[in-house]
Amino acid sequence: GFQNPFYLKKAQQLEPKLYDGNVIKNTYAITIPDSKEILMLAEESRLKMLLKK
């Protein structure tokens, strides 16, 4: 979120459709199931991040 309301208003003016609930609700996005390769890459990335700690 925005800590300063001025920046929220500015963002809403620049891209109003991103903050309009009716537009968001009525937009039908096509969902694409994750492939095994993508899931494996995500798991590999997660493990690398855990090892960095």
PDB file of N, CA and C in Angstrom:
ATOM      1  N   GLY A   1       0.811  -1.177   0.000  1.00  0.00           N
ATOM      2  CA  GLY A   1       0.000   0.000   0.000  1.00  0.00           C
ATOM      3  C   GLY A   1       0.865   1.255   0.000  1.00  0.00           C
ATOM      4  N   PHE A   2       0.197   2.339  -0.073  1.00  0.00           N
ATOM      5  CA  PHE A   2       0.855   3.637  -0.083  1.00  0.00           C
ATOM      6  C   PHE A   2       0.775   4.256   1.302  1.00  0.00           C
ATOM      7  N   GLN A   3       1.915   4.638   1.865  1.00  0.00           N
ATOM      8  CA  GLN A   3       1.926   5.285   3.170  1.00  0.00           C
ATOM      9  C   GLN A   3       1.411   6.709   3.061  1.00  0.00           C
ATOM     10  N   ASN A   4       1.676   7.358   1.953  1.00  0.00           N
ATOM     11  CA  ASN A   4       1.237   8.729   1.741  1.00  0.00           C
ATOM     12  C   ASN A   4       0.045   8.708   0.777  1.00  0.00           C
ATOM     13  N   PRO A   5      -1.140   9.157   1.222  1.00  0.00           N
ATOM     14  CA  PRO A   5      -2.331   9.118   0.366  1.00  0.00           C
ATOM     15  C   PRO A   5      -2.167   9.881  -0.954  1.00  0.00           C
ATOM     16  N   PHE A   6      -1.282  10.868  -0.975  1.00  0.00           N
ATOM     17  CA  PHE A   6      -1.043  11.632  -2.203  1.00  0.00           C
ATOM     18  C   PHE A   6      -0.575  10.712  -3.327  1.00  0.00           C
ATOM     19  N   TYR A   7       0.323   9.779  -3.000  1.00  0.00           N
ATOM     20  CA  TYR A   7       0.859   8.884  -4.019  1.00  0.00           C
ATOM     21  C   TYR A   7      -0.199   7.899  -4.513  1.00  0.00           C
ATOM     22  N   LEU A   8      -1.102   7.481  -3.628  1.00  0.00           N
ATOM     23  CA  LEU A   8      -2.199   6.608  -4.044  1.00  0.00           C
ATOM     24  C   LEU A   8      -3.092   7.340  -5.037  1.00  0.00           C
ATOM     25  N   LYS A   9      -3.460   8.571  -4.725  1.00  0.00           N
ATOM     26  CA  LYS A   9      -4.308   9.361  -5.629  1.00  0.00           C
ATOM     27  C   LYS A   9      -3.615   9.559  -6.978  1.00  0.00           C
ATOM     28  N   LYS A  10      -2.317   9.819  -6.942  1.00  0.00           N
ATOM     29  CA  LYS A  10      -1.549  10.024  -8.178  1.00  0.00           C
ATOM     30  C   LYS A  10      -1.556   8.737  -9.016  1.00  0.00           C
ATOM     31  N   ALA A  11      -1.337   7.598  -8.365  1.00  0.00           N
ATOM     32  CA  ALA A  11      -1.339   6.315  -9.070  1.00  0.00           C
ATOM     33  C   ALA A  11      -2.720   6.023  -9.648  1.00  0.00           C
ATOM     34  N   GLN A  12      -3.772   6.337  -8.894  1.00  0.00           N
ATOM     35  CA  GLN A  12      -5.135   6.116  -9.380  1.00  0.00           C
ATOM     36  C   GLN A  12      -5.442   6.997 -10.588  1.00  0.00           C
ATOM     37  N   GLN A  13      -4.905   8.192 -10.611  1.00  0.00           N
ATOM     38  CA  GLN A  13      -5.128   9.080 -11.751  1.00  0.00           C
ATOM     39  C   GLN A  13      -4.388   8.578 -12.989  1.00  0.00           C
ATOM     40  N   LEU A  14      -3.193   8.032 -12.799  1.00  0.00           N
ATOM     41  CA  LEU A  14      -2.399   7.560 -13.930  1.00  0.00           C
ATOM     42  C   LEU A  14      -2.959   6.270 -14.527  1.00  0.00           C
ATOM     43  N   GLU A  15      -3.394   5.343 -13.687  1.00  0.00           N
ATOM     44  CA  GLU A  15      -3.920   4.049 -14.136  1.00  0.00           C
ATOM     45  C   GLU A  15      -5.214   3.726 -13.397  1.00  0.00           C
ATOM     46  N   PRO A  16      -6.315   4.403 -13.711  1.00  0.00           N
ATOM     47  CA  PRO A  16      -7.553   4.203 -12.958  1.00  0.00           C
ATOM     48  C   PRO A  16      -8.099   2.778 -13.042  1.00  0.00           C
ATOM     49  N   LYS A  17      -7.872   2.091 -14.166  1.00  0.00           N
ATOM     50  CA  LYS A  17      -8.437   0.746 -14.300  1.00  0.00           C
ATOM     51  C   LYS A  17      -7.813  -0.249 -13.323  1.00  0.00           C
ATOM     52  N   LEU A  18      -6.601   0.035 -12.841  1.00  0.00           N
ATOM     53  CA  LEU A  18      -5.962  -0.865 -11.884  1.00  0.00           C
ATOM     54  C   LEU A  18      -6.597  -0.780 -10.502  1.00  0.00           C
ATOM     55  N   TYR A  19      -7.327   0.307 -10.242  1.00  0.00           N
ATOM     56  CA  TYR A  19      -7.903   0.529  -8.923  1.00  0.00           C
ATOM     57  C   TYR A  19      -9.428   0.494  -8.945  1.00  0.00           C
ATOM     58  N   ASP A  20     -10.023   0.138 -10.092  1.00  0.00           N
ATOM     59  CA  ASP A  20     -11.476   0.089 -10.226  1.00  0.00           C
ATOM     60  C   ASP A  20     -11.945  -1.348 -10.021  1.00  0.00           C
ATOM     61  N   GLY A  21     -12.639  -1.590  -8.923  1.00  0.00           N
ATOM     62  CA  GLY A  21     -13.091  -2.941  -8.586  1.00  0.00           C
ATOM     63  C   GLY A  21     -13.980  -3.553  -9.645  1.00  0.00           C
ATOM     64  N   ASN A  22     -14.831  -2.754 -10.291  1.00  0.00           N
ATOM     65  CA  ASN A  22     -15.718  -3.289 -11.328  1.00  0.00           C
ATOM     66  C   ASN A  22     -14.933  -3.774 -12.538  1.00  0.00           C
ATOM     67  N   VAL A  23     -13.900  -3.053 -12.911  1.00  0.00           N
ATOM     68  CA  VAL A  23     -13.070  -3.469 -14.041  1.00  0.00           C
ATOM     69  C   VAL A  23     -12.321  -4.744 -13.684  1.00  0.00           C
ATOM     70  N   ILE A  24     -11.779  -4.787 -12.471  1.00  0.00           N
ATOM     71  CA  ILE A  24     -11.028  -5.969 -12.034  1.00  0.00           C
ATOM     72  C   ILE A  24     -11.942  -7.186 -11.977  1.00  0.00           C
ATOM     73  N   LYS A  25     -13.147  -7.008 -11.425  1.00  0.00           N
ATOM     74  CA  LYS A  25     -14.092  -8.114 -11.275  1.00  0.00           C
ATOM     75  C   LYS A  25     -14.554  -8.635 -12.628  1.00  0.00           C
ATOM     76  N   ASN A  26     -14.759  -7.753 -13.600  1.00  0.00           N
ATOM     77  CA  ASN A  26     -15.309  -8.146 -14.894  1.00  0.00           C
ATOM     78  C   ASN A  26     -14.255  -8.545 -15.917  1.00  0.00           C
ATOM     79  N   THR A  27     -13.000  -8.494 -15.559  1.00  0.00           N
ATOM     80  CA  THR A  27     -11.939  -8.896 -16.472  1.00  0.00           C
ATOM     81  C   THR A  27     -11.715 -10.397 -16.319  1.00  0.00           C
ATOM     82  N   TYR A  28     -11.852 -11.083 -17.409  1.00  0.00           N
ATOM     83  CA  TYR A  28     -11.695 -12.531 -17.374  1.00  0.00           C
ATOM     84  C   TYR A  28     -10.297 -12.886 -17.861  1.00  0.00           C
ATOM     85  N   ALA A  29      -9.469 -13.294 -16.953  1.00  0.00           N
ATOM     86  CA  ALA A  29      -8.098 -13.668 -17.297  1.00  0.00           C
ATOM     87  C   ALA A  29      -8.045 -15.160 -17.589  1.00  0.00           C
ATOM     88  N   ILE A  30      -7.264 -15.514 -18.566  1.00  0.00           N
ATOM     89  CA  ILE A  30      -7.083 -16.920 -18.892  1.00  0.00           C
ATOM     90  C   ILE A  30      -6.027 -17.478 -17.953  1.00  0.00           C
ATOM     91  N   THR A  31      -6.375 -18.518 -17.246  1.00  0.00           N
ATOM     92  CA  THR A  31      -5.397 -19.129 -16.346  1.00  0.00           C
ATOM     93  C   THR A  31      -4.668 -20.238 -17.098  1.00  0.00           C
ATOM     94  N   ILE A  32      -3.381 -20.266 -16.915  1.00  0.00           N
ATOM     95  CA  ILE A  32      -2.546 -21.277 -17.553  1.00  0.00           C
ATOM     96  C   ILE A  32      -1.931 -22.117 -16.443  1.00  0.00           C
ATOM     97  N   PRO A  33      -2.229 -23.408 -16.426  1.00  0.00           N
ATOM     98  CA  PRO A  33      -1.667 -24.246 -15.369  1.00  0.00           C
ATOM     99  C   PRO A  33      -0.144 -24.316 -15.480  1.00  0.00           C
ATOM    100  N   ASP A  34       0.490 -24.400 -14.329  1.00  0.00           N
ATOM    101  CA  ASP A  34       1.947 -24.486 -14.313  1.00  0.00           C
ATOM    102  C   ASP A  34       2.405 -25.827 -14.873  1.00  0.00           C
ATOM    103  N   SER A  35       3.422 -25.769 -15.701  1.00  0.00           N
ATOM    104  CA  SER A  35       3.988 -27.003 -16.231  1.00  0.00           C
ATOM    105  C   SER A  35       4.948 -27.583 -15.197  1.00  0.00           C
ATOM    106  N   LYS A  36       5.302 -28.829 -15.378  1.00  0.00           N
ATOM    107  CA  LYS A  36       6.236 -29.476 -14.447  1.00  0.00           C
ATOM    108  C   LYS A  36       7.569 -28.740 -14.434  1.00  0.00           C
ATOM    109  N   GLU A  37       8.000 -28.259 -15.608  1.00  0.00           N
ATOM    110  CA  GLU A  37       9.277 -27.546 -15.689  1.00  0.00           C
ATOM    111  C   GLU A  37       9.242 -26.270 -14.842  1.00  0.00           C
ATOM    112  N   ILE A  38       8.163 -25.514 -14.940  1.00  0.00           N
ATOM    113  CA  ILE A  38       8.046 -24.275 -14.165  1.00  0.00           C
ATOM    114  C   ILE A  38       8.034 -24.579 -12.672  1.00  0.00           C
ATOM    115  N   LEU A  39       7.305 -25.618 -12.290  1.00  0.00           N
ATOM    116  CA  LEU A  39       7.257 -25.987 -10.874  1.00  0.00           C
ATOM    117  C   LEU A  39       8.627 -26.431 -10.368  1.00  0.00           C
ATOM    118  N   MET A  40       9.375 -27.149 -11.198  1.00  0.00           N
ATOM    119  CA  MET A  40      10.716 -27.584 -10.797  1.00  0.00           C
ATOM    120  C   MET A  40      11.650 -26.389 -10.654  1.00  0.00           C
ATOM    121  N   LEU A  41      11.560 -25.427 -11.584  1.00  0.00           N
ATOM    122  CA  LEU A  41      12.401 -24.232 -11.498  1.00  0.00           C
ATOM    123  C   LEU A  41      12.055 -23.406 -10.263  1.00  0.00           C
ATOM    124  N   ALA A  42      10.787 -23.324  -9.940  1.00  0.00           N
ATOM    125  CA  ALA A  42      10.371 -22.580  -8.752  1.00  0.00           C
ATOM    126  C   ALA A  42      10.908 -23.245  -7.488  1.00  0.00           C
ATOM    127  N   GLU A  43      10.840 -24.556  -7.431  1.00  0.00           N
ATOM    128  CA  GLU A  43      11.349 -25.283  -6.267  1.00  0.00           C
ATOM    129  C   GLU A  43      12.864 -25.115  -6.151  1.00  0.00           C
ATOM    130  N   GLU A  44      13.563 -25.178  -7.279  1.00  0.00           N
ATOM    131  CA  GLU A  44      15.016 -24.990  -7.281  1.00  0.00           C
ATOM    132  C   GLU A  44      15.370 -23.589  -6.778  1.00  0.00           C
ATOM    133  N   SER A  45      14.643 -22.599  -7.233  1.00  0.00           N
ATOM    134  CA  SER A  45      14.876 -21.222  -6.804  1.00  0.00           C
ATOM    135  C   SER A  45      14.622 -21.068  -5.307  1.00  0.00           C
ATOM    136  N   ARG A  46      13.541 -21.687  -4.836  1.00  0.00           N
ATOM    137  CA  ARG A  46      13.208 -21.618  -3.408  1.00  0.00           C
ATOM    138  C   ARG A  46      14.314 -22.249  -2.561  1.00  0.00           C
ATOM    139  N   LEU A  47      14.830 -23.386  -3.016  1.00  0.00           N
ATOM    140  CA  LEU A  47      15.895 -24.060  -2.275  1.00  0.00           C
ATOM    141  C   LEU A  47      17.171 -23.219  -2.248  1.00  0.00           C
ATOM    142  N   LYS A  48      17.486 -22.564  -3.361  1.00  0.00           N
ATOM    143  CA  LYS A  48      18.665 -21.692  -3.399  1.00  0.00           C
ATOM    144  C   LYS A  48      18.527 -20.550  -2.397  1.00  0.00           C
ATOM    145  N   MET A  49      17.325 -19.983  -2.313  1.00  0.00           N
ATOM    146  CA  MET A  49      17.092 -18.886  -1.369  1.00  0.00           C
ATOM    147  C   MET A  49      17.246 -19.374   0.070  1.00  0.00           C
ATOM    148  N   LEU A  50      16.776 -20.581   0.346  1.00  0.00           N
ATOM    149  CA  LEU A  50      16.905 -21.129   1.699  1.00  0.00           C
ATOM    150  C   LEU A  50      18.369 -21.371   2.058  1.00  0.00           C
ATOM    151  N   LEU A  51      19.164 -21.801   1.075  1.00  0.00           N
ATOM    152  CA  LEU A  51      20.579 -22.066   1.330  1.00  0.00           C
ATOM    153  C   LEU A  51      21.367 -20.782   1.558  1.00  0.00           C
ATOM    154  N   LYS A  52      20.908 -19.660   0.998  1.00  0.00           N
ATOM    155  CA  LYS A  52      21.594 -18.382   1.172  1.00  0.00           C
ATOM    156  C   LYS A  52      21.518 -17.881   2.608  1.00  0.00           C
ATOM    157  N   LYS A  53      20.484 -18.255   3.330  1.00  0.00           N
ATOM    158  CA  LYS A  53      20.282 -17.747   4.698  1.00  0.00           C
ATOM    159  C   LYS A  53      21.307 -18.224   5.659  1.00  0.00           C
TER     160      LYS A  53
END
